[in-house]
Amino acid sequence: MQDPIPWNDLALFAAVARHGTLAGAAEETGTSSATLSRRMTAFERQIGKRLFLHGNAGYAVTAEGRALMDQVKRMEATAIDIGRWRASGSTRVRVRISAGVWTAMRLAQNLSAFWSPEADWIPEFVQCHRMMDLARREIDIGIRNARPEQPWLAGRRTGETTHSVYAVSEDIEAWIGGSFETAPLPSEQWVARTHGAAIVTTANEPALRLALAEAGMGRIVLPDFIGLRRPTLRRLSDPIAELTREEWLVAHHEARHEPGIRAALDALATFLSTPPAP
């Protein structure tokens, strides 16, 4: 019995066949050209057919490759139809959005900047310490700090997030740390590594550390889109270079075309791409 063809390899094959180059397929899928080359070689070996002619002009699809592409196109069309069917049961689609604690707070506090009750989609926020699975539709949209590497995911870069030190006064020299009952944030790790001896108290939740800082207990590191909007806090440093992260909107490469998810992606991209005002 032959091994089943992995869906992921079919998605990568279709991208290379559509573009005719590894660079174009890499841009679509978020997978590096080197990885695509390696995966296509292994895929042809598994299929047992020559799918591409490799040359200076790129990846030309063979007759066998065109025949497979015809099959894959039907699979993609069926997947889109299923997505539309899923969305057609309600005029207002619920879109599950996963983000880190600070980004989720920013979205909730600025809801009217990217959503209105008249929109044909409703946001549902999932603030979670683990990476939610887009392929299994645990969520519809993820806001992440790196470009997606999986071929079934599509990403849109919205900017970058900077972090700085904040406290109610420059006179405060003590620090507030994380207690690490959950996976530590990079900012918590930075505080422990660089100012561990000055930590006077800890809290396991970021919102609790923020409350302690606003009460004058110590210094903390915050994303600038949070810290600059807290009237009781002062920024005491320039952005910390090693904590600067890219910000990406991530969705399943097929589900992103569903009307409700597409509307949510466009609205969130516009909001997240706008630098926060102090």
Foldseek 3Di string as FASTA:
>chain_A
DADDDDPLLLLLLLLCAVVQALVRSCQFQVAHSVVSVVSVVVNCVSVVHDQFDDDPSHTHGDPVVVVSNVVVVVVLVVVLVVLQVVLPVAQEAEFEEEEEPVVLVVCVVPVVQQDDPVDSYDYDYDHDLDDDDQVVPPGFKYKDQDRDHRRQKGKDWQFKWFKFKKALDPPFDAAEAAPPPDPDDPQRVVCCVPPVVRHDYYYHDPVVRVVCRLVGNHMGMDTCLPQVPPVSMDGDDDTDVVNMTIIMMMGGSSSCPHVRNVSSVVSVSVVSNDDHDD
